[in-house]
Amino acid sequence: MDLSASNYVIIGSVVACILNIWTDRPILALIGCFSMHALLLFILYATIHDIWIRQYEKEYTKGWWKLCLIPVFFLLQLFFYRLFSAHLI
């Protein structure tokens, strides 16, 4: 199960888009997005919390902070594409 955090966020975004299209009420879409993320967080906490803690205590995790750089660089890339989109054409 090799999923990043962006895979989990997609679920809430899709639910929010569907609710917004069906109901045409943005507040209901936000509530649906929040509830989907809260439900997913609860499911993940209930199922993998103990496994993660045991793995974290046994493994050498000194260099794991570097994994945070992947989404940071991706978001920076999107930001710069949006900011300088007129100059790229």
PDB file of N, CA and C in Angstrom:
ATOM      1  N   MET A   1       0.843  -1.164   0.000  1.00  0.00           N
ATOM      2  CA  MET A   1       0.000   0.000   0.000  1.00  0.00           C
ATOM      3  C   MET A   1       0.889   1.228   0.000  1.00  0.00           C
ATOM      4  N   ASP A   2       1.236   1.659  -1.171  1.00  0.00           N
ATOM      5  CA  ASP A   2       2.186   2.752  -1.317  1.00  0.00           C
ATOM      6  C   ASP A   2       1.457   3.994  -1.812  1.00  0.00           C
ATOM      7  N   LEU A   3       0.732   4.644  -0.923  1.00  0.00           N
ATOM      8  CA  LEU A   3      -0.030   5.830  -1.284  1.00  0.00           C
ATOM      9  C   LEU A   3       0.512   7.037  -0.537  1.00  0.00           C
ATOM     10  N   SER A   4       0.478   8.152  -1.196  1.00  0.00           N
ATOM     11  CA  SER A   4       0.898   9.374  -0.528  1.00  0.00           C
ATOM     12  C   SER A   4      -0.330  10.107   0.012  1.00  0.00           C
ATOM     13  N   ALA A   5      -0.090  11.180   0.695  1.00  0.00           N
ATOM     14  CA  ALA A   5      -1.196  11.934   1.300  1.00  0.00           C
ATOM     15  C   ALA A   5      -2.121  12.519   0.241  1.00  0.00           C
ATOM     16  N   SER A   6      -1.587  12.816  -0.920  1.00  0.00           N
ATOM     17  CA  SER A   6      -2.437  13.402  -1.963  1.00  0.00           C
ATOM     18  C   SER A   6      -3.508  12.422  -2.423  1.00  0.00           C
ATOM     19  N   ASN A   7      -3.218  11.133  -2.362  1.00  0.00           N
ATOM     20  CA  ASN A   7      -4.224  10.142  -2.738  1.00  0.00           C
ATOM     21  C   ASN A   7      -5.402  10.158  -1.777  1.00  0.00           C
ATOM     22  N   TYR A   8      -5.148  10.423  -0.531  1.00  0.00           N
ATOM     23  CA  TYR A   8      -6.229  10.447   0.449  1.00  0.00           C
ATOM     24  C   TYR A   8      -7.040  11.747   0.359  1.00  0.00           C
ATOM     25  N   VAL A   9      -6.397  12.828   0.003  1.00  0.00           N
ATOM     26  CA  VAL A   9      -7.084  14.113  -0.106  1.00  0.00           C
ATOM     27  C   VAL A   9      -8.026  14.123  -1.306  1.00  0.00           C
ATOM     28  N   ILE A  10      -7.700  13.365  -2.335  1.00  0.00           N
ATOM     29  CA  ILE A  10      -8.537  13.314  -3.527  1.00  0.00           C
ATOM     30  C   ILE A  10      -9.948  12.855  -3.185  1.00  0.00           C
ATOM     31  N   ILE A  11     -10.096  11.940  -2.246  1.00  0.00           N
ATOM     32  CA  ILE A  11     -11.416  11.422  -1.880  1.00  0.00           C
ATOM     33  C   ILE A  11     -12.329  12.554  -1.415  1.00  0.00           C
ATOM     34  N   GLY A  12     -11.848  13.391  -0.522  1.00  0.00           N
ATOM     35  CA  GLY A  12     -12.651  14.500  -0.033  1.00  0.00           C
ATOM     36  C   GLY A  12     -12.949  15.524  -1.112  1.00  0.00           C
ATOM     37  N   SER A  13     -12.000  15.763  -1.998  1.00  0.00           N
ATOM     38  CA  SER A  13     -12.218  16.722  -3.073  1.00  0.00           C
ATOM     39  C   SER A  13     -13.265  16.236  -4.061  1.00  0.00           C
ATOM     40  N   VAL A  14     -13.239  14.960  -4.375  1.00  0.00           N
ATOM     41  CA  VAL A  14     -14.236  14.404  -5.289  1.00  0.00           C
ATOM     42  C   VAL A  14     -15.625  14.467  -4.661  1.00  0.00           C
ATOM     43  N   VAL A  15     -15.723  14.130  -3.387  1.00  0.00           N
ATOM     44  CA  VAL A  15     -17.019  14.210  -2.699  1.00  0.00           C
ATOM     45  C   VAL A  15     -17.525  15.649  -2.690  1.00  0.00           C
ATOM     46  N   ALA A  16     -16.639  16.607  -2.437  1.00  0.00           N
ATOM     47  CA  ALA A  16     -17.043  18.012  -2.425  1.00  0.00           C
ATOM     48  C   ALA A  16     -17.527  18.462  -3.801  1.00  0.00           C
ATOM     49  N   CYS A  17     -16.829  18.059  -4.846  1.00  0.00           N
ATOM     50  CA  CYS A  17     -17.257  18.436  -6.201  1.00  0.00           C
ATOM     51  C   CYS A  17     -18.610  17.835  -6.548  1.00  0.00           C
ATOM     52  N   ILE A  18     -18.812  16.575  -6.214  1.00  0.00           N
ATOM     53  CA  ILE A  18     -20.089  15.919  -6.507  1.00  0.00           C
ATOM     54  C   ILE A  18     -21.220  16.583  -5.744  1.00  0.00           C
ATOM     55  N   LEU A  19     -21.000  16.862  -4.461  1.00  0.00           N
ATOM     56  CA  LEU A  19     -22.042  17.532  -3.681  1.00  0.00           C
ATOM     57  C   LEU A  19     -22.328  18.936  -4.192  1.00  0.00           C
ATOM     58  N   ASN A  20     -21.307  19.637  -4.624  1.00  0.00           N
ATOM     59  CA  ASN A  20     -21.507  20.983  -5.140  1.00  0.00           C
ATOM     60  C   ASN A  20     -22.301  20.962  -6.451  1.00  0.00           C
ATOM     61  N   ILE A  21     -22.037  19.987  -7.302  1.00  0.00           N
ATOM     62  CA  ILE A  21     -22.767  19.874  -8.563  1.00  0.00           C
ATOM     63  C   ILE A  21     -24.212  19.461  -8.308  1.00  0.00           C
ATOM     64  N   TRP A  22     -24.415  18.483  -7.440  1.00  0.00           N
ATOM     65  CA  TRP A  22     -25.772  17.972  -7.193  1.00  0.00           C
ATOM     66  C   TRP A  22     -26.660  18.979  -6.466  1.00  0.00           C
ATOM     67  N   THR A  23     -26.099  19.657  -5.471  1.00  0.00           N
ATOM     68  CA  THR A  23     -26.930  20.517  -4.628  1.00  0.00           C
ATOM     69  C   THR A  23     -26.787  21.996  -4.940  1.00  0.00           C
ATOM     70  N   ASP A  24     -25.694  22.397  -5.581  1.00  0.00           N
ATOM     71  CA  ASP A  24     -25.406  23.800  -5.875  1.00  0.00           C
ATOM     72  C   ASP A  24     -25.362  24.640  -4.596  1.00  0.00           C
ATOM     73  N   ARG A  25     -24.868  24.010  -3.527  1.00  0.00           N
ATOM     74  CA  ARG A  25     -24.705  24.702  -2.240  1.00  0.00           C
ATOM     75  C   ARG A  25     -23.274  24.478  -1.762  1.00  0.00           C
ATOM     76  N   PRO A  26     -22.425  25.496  -1.831  1.00  0.00           N
ATOM     77  CA  PRO A  26     -21.019  25.334  -1.456  1.00  0.00           C
ATOM     78  C   PRO A  26     -20.813  24.934   0.013  1.00  0.00           C
ATOM     79  N   ILE A  27     -21.671  25.415   0.896  1.00  0.00           N
ATOM     80  CA  ILE A  27     -21.488  25.075   2.310  1.00  0.00           C
ATOM     81  C   ILE A  27     -21.710  23.585   2.533  1.00  0.00           C
ATOM     82  N   LEU A  28     -22.648  23.001   1.817  1.00  0.00           N
ATOM     83  CA  LEU A  28     -22.877  21.560   1.923  1.00  0.00           C
ATOM     84  C   LEU A  28     -21.689  20.778   1.361  1.00  0.00           C
ATOM     85  N   ALA A  29     -21.081  21.303   0.299  1.00  0.00           N
ATOM     86  CA  ALA A  29     -19.893  20.661  -0.271  1.00  0.00           C
ATOM     87  C   ALA A  29     -18.732  20.702   0.724  1.00  0.00           C
ATOM     88  N   LEU A  30     -18.555  21.828   1.419  1.00  0.00           N
ATOM     89  CA  LEU A  30     -17.490  21.926   2.424  1.00  0.00           C
ATOM     90  C   LEU A  30     -17.724  20.978   3.595  1.00  0.00           C
ATOM     91  N   ILE A  31     -18.969  20.883   4.013  1.00  0.00           N
ATOM     92  CA  ILE A  31     -19.288  19.957   5.112  1.00  0.00           C
ATOM     93  C   ILE A  31     -19.040  18.513   4.680  1.00  0.00           C
ATOM     94  N   GLY A  32     -19.423  18.187   3.449  1.00  0.00           N
ATOM     95  CA  GLY A  32     -19.175  16.839   2.934  1.00  0.00           C
ATOM     96  C   GLY A  32     -17.698  16.529   2.822  1.00  0.00           C
ATOM     97  N   CYS A  33     -16.918  17.503   2.371  1.00  0.00           N
ATOM     98  CA  CYS A  33     -15.465  17.324   2.262  1.00  0.00           C
ATOM     99  C   CYS A  33     -14.844  17.104   3.638  1.00  0.00           C
ATOM    100  N   PHE A  34     -15.234  17.933   4.602  1.00  0.00           N
ATOM    101  CA  PHE A  34     -14.709  17.794   5.954  1.00  0.00           C
ATOM    102  C   PHE A  34     -15.096  16.455   6.567  1.00  0.00           C
ATOM    103  N   SER A  35     -16.355  16.056   6.387  1.00  0.00           N
ATOM    104  CA  SER A  35     -16.798  14.790   6.985  1.00  0.00           C
ATOM    105  C   SER A  35     -16.094  13.593   6.341  1.00  0.00           C
ATOM    106  N   MET A  36     -15.834  13.653   5.036  1.00  0.00           N
ATOM    107  CA  MET A  36     -15.125  12.554   4.378  1.00  0.00           C
ATOM    108  C   MET A  36     -13.689  12.461   4.877  1.00  0.00           C
ATOM    109  N   HIS A  37     -13.030  13.611   5.046  1.00  0.00           N
ATOM    110  CA  HIS A  37     -11.660  13.589   5.568  1.00  0.00           C
ATOM    111  C   HIS A  37     -11.633  13.108   7.022  1.00  0.00           C
ATOM    112  N   ALA A  38     -12.617  13.519   7.815  1.00  0.00           N
ATOM    113  CA  ALA A  38     -12.668  13.074   9.209  1.00  0.00           C
ATOM    114  C   ALA A  38     -12.924  11.570   9.286  1.00  0.00           C
ATOM    115  N   LEU A  39     -13.810  11.067   8.440  1.00  0.00           N
ATOM    116  CA  LEU A  39     -14.082   9.627   8.418  1.00  0.00           C
ATOM    117  C   LEU A  39     -12.852   8.845   7.997  1.00  0.00           C
ATOM    118  N   LEU A  40     -12.163   9.321   6.985  1.00  0.00           N
ATOM    119  CA  LEU A  40     -10.952   8.642   6.528  1.00  0.00           C
ATOM    120  C   LEU A  40      -9.861   8.679   7.592  1.00  0.00           C
ATOM    121  N   LEU A  41      -9.723   9.804   8.274  1.00  0.00           N
ATOM    122  CA  LEU A  41      -8.736   9.903   9.347  1.00  0.00           C
ATOM    123  C   LEU A  41      -9.054   8.931  10.477  1.00  0.00           C
ATOM    124  N   PHE A  42     -10.317   8.833  10.839  1.00  0.00           N
ATOM    125  CA  PHE A  42     -10.710   7.901  11.889  1.00  0.00           C
ATOM    126  C   PHE A  42     -10.440   6.454  11.470  1.00  0.00           C
ATOM    127  N   ILE A  43     -10.761   6.097  10.235  1.00  0.00           N
ATOM    128  CA  ILE A  43     -10.516   4.727   9.754  1.00  0.00           C
ATOM    129  C   ILE A  43      -9.025   4.418   9.768  1.00  0.00           C
ATOM    130  N   LEU A  44      -8.206   5.346   9.275  1.00  0.00           N
ATOM    131  CA  LEU A  44      -6.762   5.115   9.267  1.00  0.00           C
ATOM    132  C   LEU A  44      -6.201   5.040  10.683  1.00  0.00           C
ATOM    133  N   TYR A  45      -6.680   5.895  11.566  1.00  0.00           N
ATOM    134  CA  TYR A  45      -6.213   5.862  12.948  1.00  0.00           C
ATOM    135  C   TYR A  45      -6.580   4.546  13.609  1.00  0.00           C
ATOM    136  N   ALA A  46      -7.788   4.074  13.382  1.00  0.00           N
ATOM    137  CA  ALA A  46      -8.242   2.834  14.021  1.00  0.00           C
ATOM    138  C   ALA A  46      -7.528   1.605  13.467  1.00  0.00           C
ATOM    139  N   THR A  47      -7.137   1.646  12.199  1.00  0.00           N
ATOM    140  CA  THR A  47      -6.569   0.435  11.600  1.00  0.00           C
ATOM    141  C   THR A  47      -5.050   0.370  11.645  1.00  0.00           C
ATOM    142  N   ILE A  48      -4.365   1.479  11.430  1.00  0.00           N
ATOM    143  CA  ILE A  48      -2.911   1.382  11.301  1.00  0.00           C
ATOM    144  C   ILE A  48      -2.124   2.115  12.374  1.00  0.00           C
ATOM    145  N   HIS A  49      -2.774   2.688  13.360  1.00  0.00           N
ATOM    146  CA  HIS A  49      -2.048   3.462  14.368  1.00  0.00           C
ATOM    147  C   HIS A  49      -1.044   2.598  15.133  1.00  0.00           C
ATOM    148  N   ASP A  50      -1.490   1.481  15.648  1.00  0.00           N
ATOM    149  CA  ASP A  50      -0.583   0.626  16.432  1.00  0.00           C
ATOM    150  C   ASP A  50       0.527   0.038  15.571  1.00  0.00           C
ATOM    151  N   ILE A  51       0.199  -0.331  14.349  1.00  0.00           N
ATOM    152  CA  ILE A  51       1.213  -0.865  13.434  1.00  0.00           C
ATOM    153  C   ILE A  51       2.269   0.195  13.158  1.00  0.00           C
ATOM    154  N   TRP A  52       1.838   1.428  12.932  1.00  0.00           N
ATOM    155  CA  TRP A  52       2.767   2.510  12.637  1.00  0.00           C
ATOM    156  C   TRP A  52       3.676   2.810  13.831  1.00  0.00           C
ATOM    157  N   ILE A  53       3.118   2.823  15.025  1.00  0.00           N
ATOM    158  CA  ILE A  53       3.920   3.116  16.217  1.00  0.00           C
ATOM    159  C   ILE A  53       4.975   2.030  16.423  1.00  0.00           C
ATOM    160  N   ARG A  54       4.595   0.771  16.273  1.00  0.00           N
ATOM    161  CA  ARG A  54       5.579  -0.311  16.417  1.00  0.00           C
ATOM    162  C   ARG A  54       6.672  -0.207  15.370  1.00  0.00           C
ATOM    163  N   GLN A  55       6.305   0.092  14.134  1.00  0.00           N
ATOM    164  CA  GLN A  55       7.289   0.233  13.065  1.00  0.00           C
ATOM    165  C   GLN A  55       8.190   1.433  13.307  1.00  0.00           C
ATOM    166  N   TYR A  56       7.620   2.525  13.763  1.00  0.00           N
ATOM    167  CA  TYR A  56       8.384   3.749  14.013  1.00  0.00           C
ATOM    168  C   TYR A  56       9.401   3.548  15.133  1.00  0.00           C
ATOM    169  N   GLU A  57       9.048   2.788  16.163  1.00  0.00           N
ATOM    170  CA  GLU A  57       9.951   2.552  17.272  1.00  0.00           C
ATOM    171  C   GLU A  57      11.110   1.638  16.885  1.00  0.00           C
ATOM    172  N   LYS A  58      10.905   0.759  15.929  1.00  0.00           N
ATOM    173  CA  LYS A  58      11.938  -0.212  15.558  1.00  0.00           C
ATOM    174  C   LYS A  58      12.841   0.259  14.423  1.00  0.00           C
ATOM    175  N   GLU A  59      12.341   1.097  13.551  1.00  0.00           N
ATOM    176  CA  GLU A  59      13.092   1.484  12.359  1.00  0.00           C
ATOM    177  C   GLU A  59      13.973   2.700  12.605  1.00  0.00           C
ATOM    178  N   TYR A  60      14.968   2.798  11.784  1.00  0.00           N
ATOM    179  CA  TYR A  60      15.826   3.975  11.770  1.00  0.00           C
ATOM    180  C   TYR A  60      15.149   5.010  10.879  1.00  0.00           C
ATOM    181  N   THR A  61      14.659   6.081  11.459  1.00  0.00           N
ATOM    182  CA  THR A  61      13.849   7.042  10.702  1.00  0.00           C
ATOM    183  C   THR A  61      14.470   8.429  10.670  1.00  0.00           C
ATOM    184  N   LYS A  62      15.751   8.511  10.717  1.00  0.00           N
ATOM    185  CA  LYS A  62      16.393   9.817  10.785  1.00  0.00           C
ATOM    186  C   LYS A  62      16.207  10.635   9.506  1.00  0.00           C
ATOM    187  N   GLY A  63      16.196  10.015   8.347  1.00  0.00           N
ATOM    188  CA  GLY A  63      16.124  10.757   7.092  1.00  0.00           C
ATOM    189  C   GLY A  63      14.745  10.867   6.488  1.00  0.00           C
ATOM    190  N   TRP A  64      13.712  10.567   7.251  1.00  0.00           N
ATOM    191  CA  TRP A  64      12.360  10.575   6.687  1.00  0.00           C
ATOM    192  C   TRP A  64      11.840  11.971   6.405  1.00  0.00           C
ATOM    193  N   TRP A  65      12.412  12.994   6.981  1.00  0.00           N
ATOM    194  CA  TRP A  65      11.930  14.348   6.735  1.00  0.00           C
ATOM    195  C   TRP A  65      12.088  14.724   5.272  1.00  0.00           C
ATOM    196  N   LYS A  66      13.001  14.066   4.560  1.00  0.00           N
ATOM    197  CA  LYS A  66      13.223  14.360   3.152  1.00  0.00           C
ATOM    198  C   LYS A  66      12.011  14.002   2.304  1.00  0.00           C
ATOM    199  N   LEU A  67      11.187  13.087   2.772  1.00  0.00           N
ATOM    200  CA  LEU A  67       9.979  12.735   2.034  1.00  0.00           C
ATOM    201  C   LEU A  67       9.001  13.901   1.951  1.00  0.00           C
ATOM    202  N   CYS A  68       9.085  14.829   2.887  1.00  0.00           N
ATOM    203  CA  CYS A  68       8.211  15.998   2.854  1.00  0.00           C
ATOM    204  C   CYS A  68       8.573  16.936   1.710  1.00  0.00           C
ATOM    205  N   LEU A  69       9.768  16.822   1.189  1.00  0.00           N
ATOM    206  CA  LEU A  69      10.184  17.713   0.112  1.00  0.00           C
ATOM    207  C   LEU A  69       9.477  17.404  -1.202  1.00  0.00           C
ATOM    208  N   ILE A  70       9.025  16.181  -1.396  1.00  0.00           N
ATOM    209  CA  ILE A  70       8.364  15.811  -2.647  1.00  0.00           C
ATOM    210  C   ILE A  70       7.090  16.626  -2.858  1.00  0.00           C
ATOM    211  N   PRO A  71       6.131  16.638  -1.914  1.00  0.00           N
ATOM    212  CA  PRO A  71       4.948  17.474  -2.155  1.00  0.00           C
ATOM    213  C   PRO A  71       5.254  18.969  -2.147  1.00  0.00           C
ATOM    214  N   VAL A  72       6.265  19.391  -1.398  1.00  0.00           N
ATOM    215  CA  VAL A  72       6.619  20.810  -1.380  1.00  0.00           C
ATOM    216  C   VAL A  72       7.093  21.249  -2.759  1.00  0.00           C
ATOM    217  N   PHE A  73       7.973  20.474  -3.379  1.00  0.00           N
ATOM    218  CA  PHE A  73       8.451  20.848  -4.702  1.00  0.00           C
ATOM    219  C   PHE A  73       7.350  20.755  -5.753  1.00  0.00           C
ATOM    220  N   PHE A  74       6.461  19.798  -5.611  1.00  0.00           N
ATOM    221  CA  PHE A  74       5.338  19.698  -6.540  1.00  0.00           C
ATOM    222  C   PHE A  74       4.444  20.929  -6.442  1.00  0.00           C
ATOM    223  N   LEU A  75       4.111  21.344  -5.227  1.00  0.00           N
ATOM    224  CA  LEU A  75       3.261  22.517  -5.053  1.00  0.00           C
ATOM    225  C   LEU A  75       3.970  23.799  -5.488  1.00  0.00           C
ATOM    226  N   LEU A  76       5.259  23.886  -5.254  1.00  0.00           N
ATOM    227  CA  LEU A  76       6.012  25.047  -5.738  1.00  0.00           C
ATOM    228  C   LEU A  76       6.014  25.110  -7.262  1.00  0.00           C
ATOM    229  N   GLN A  77       6.131  23.946  -7.886  1.00  0.00           N
ATOM    230  CA  GLN A  77       6.097  23.896  -9.338  1.00  0.00           C
ATOM    231  C   GLN A  77       4.754  24.396  -9.861  1.00  0.00           C
ATOM    232  N   LEU A  78       3.659  23.939  -9.260  1.00  0.00           N
ATOM    233  CA  LEU A  78       2.342  24.407  -9.677  1.00  0.00           C
ATOM    234  C   LEU A  78       2.175  25.895  -9.434  1.00  0.00           C
ATOM    235  N   PHE A  79       2.691  26.381  -8.314  1.00  0.00           N
ATOM    236  CA  PHE A  79       2.613  27.807  -8.004  1.00  0.00           C
ATOM    237  C   PHE A  79       3.342  28.640  -9.048  1.00  0.00           C
ATOM    238  N   PHE A  80       4.555  28.224  -9.405  1.00  0.00           N
ATOM    239  CA  PHE A  80       5.314  28.988 -10.380  1.00  0.00           C
ATOM    240  C   PHE A  80       4.721  28.897 -11.781  1.00  0.00           C
ATOM    241  N   TYR A  81       4.141  27.750 -12.121  1.00  0.00           N
ATOM    242  CA  TYR A  81       3.446  27.657 -13.410  1.00  0.00           C
ATOM    243  C   TYR A  81       2.280  28.635 -13.456  1.00  0.00           C
ATOM    244  N   ARG A  82       1.555  28.731 -12.369  1.00  0.00           N
ATOM    245  CA  ARG A  82       0.418  29.646 -12.314  1.00  0.00           C
ATOM    246  C   ARG A  82       0.863  31.100 -12.282  1.00  0.00           C
ATOM    247  N   LEU A  83       1.908  31.377 -11.545  1.00  0.00           N
ATOM    248  CA  LEU A  83       2.384  32.745 -11.392  1.00  0.00           C
ATOM    249  C   LEU A  83       3.000  33.270 -12.702  1.00  0.00           C
ATOM    250  N   PHE A  84       3.775  32.431 -13.357  1.00  0.00           N
ATOM    251  CA  PHE A  84       4.493  32.869 -14.561  1.00  0.00           C
ATOM    252  C   PHE A  84       3.897  32.265 -15.825  1.00  0.00           C
ATOM    253  N   SER A  85       2.620  31.927 -15.822  1.00  0.00           N
ATOM    254  CA  SER A  85       2.025  31.278 -16.991  1.00  0.00           C
ATOM    255  C   SER A  85       2.015  32.182 -18.215  1.00  0.00           C
ATOM    256  N   ALA A  86       1.875  33.478 -18.024  1.00  0.00           N
ATOM    257  CA  ALA A  86       1.876  34.389 -19.162  1.00  0.00           C
ATOM    258  C   ALA A  86       3.256  34.493 -19.796  1.00  0.00           C
ATOM    259  N   HIS A  87       4.297  34.299 -19.008  1.00  0.00           N
ATOM    260  CA  HIS A  87       5.663  34.426 -19.516  1.00  0.00           C
ATOM    261  C   HIS A  87       6.154  33.129 -20.146  1.00  0.00           C
ATOM    262  N   LEU A  88       5.469  32.005 -19.905  1.00  0.00           N
ATOM    263  CA  LEU A  88       5.914  30.737 -20.461  1.00  0.00           C
ATOM    264  C   LEU A  88       5.451  30.539 -21.905  1.00  0.00           C
ATOM    265  N   ILE A  89       4.451  31.283 -22.313  1.00  0.00           N
ATOM    266  CA  ILE A  89       3.909  31.109 -23.669  1.00  0.00           C
ATOM    267  C   ILE A  89       4.731  31.870 -24.691  1.00  0.00           C
TER     268      ILE A  89
END
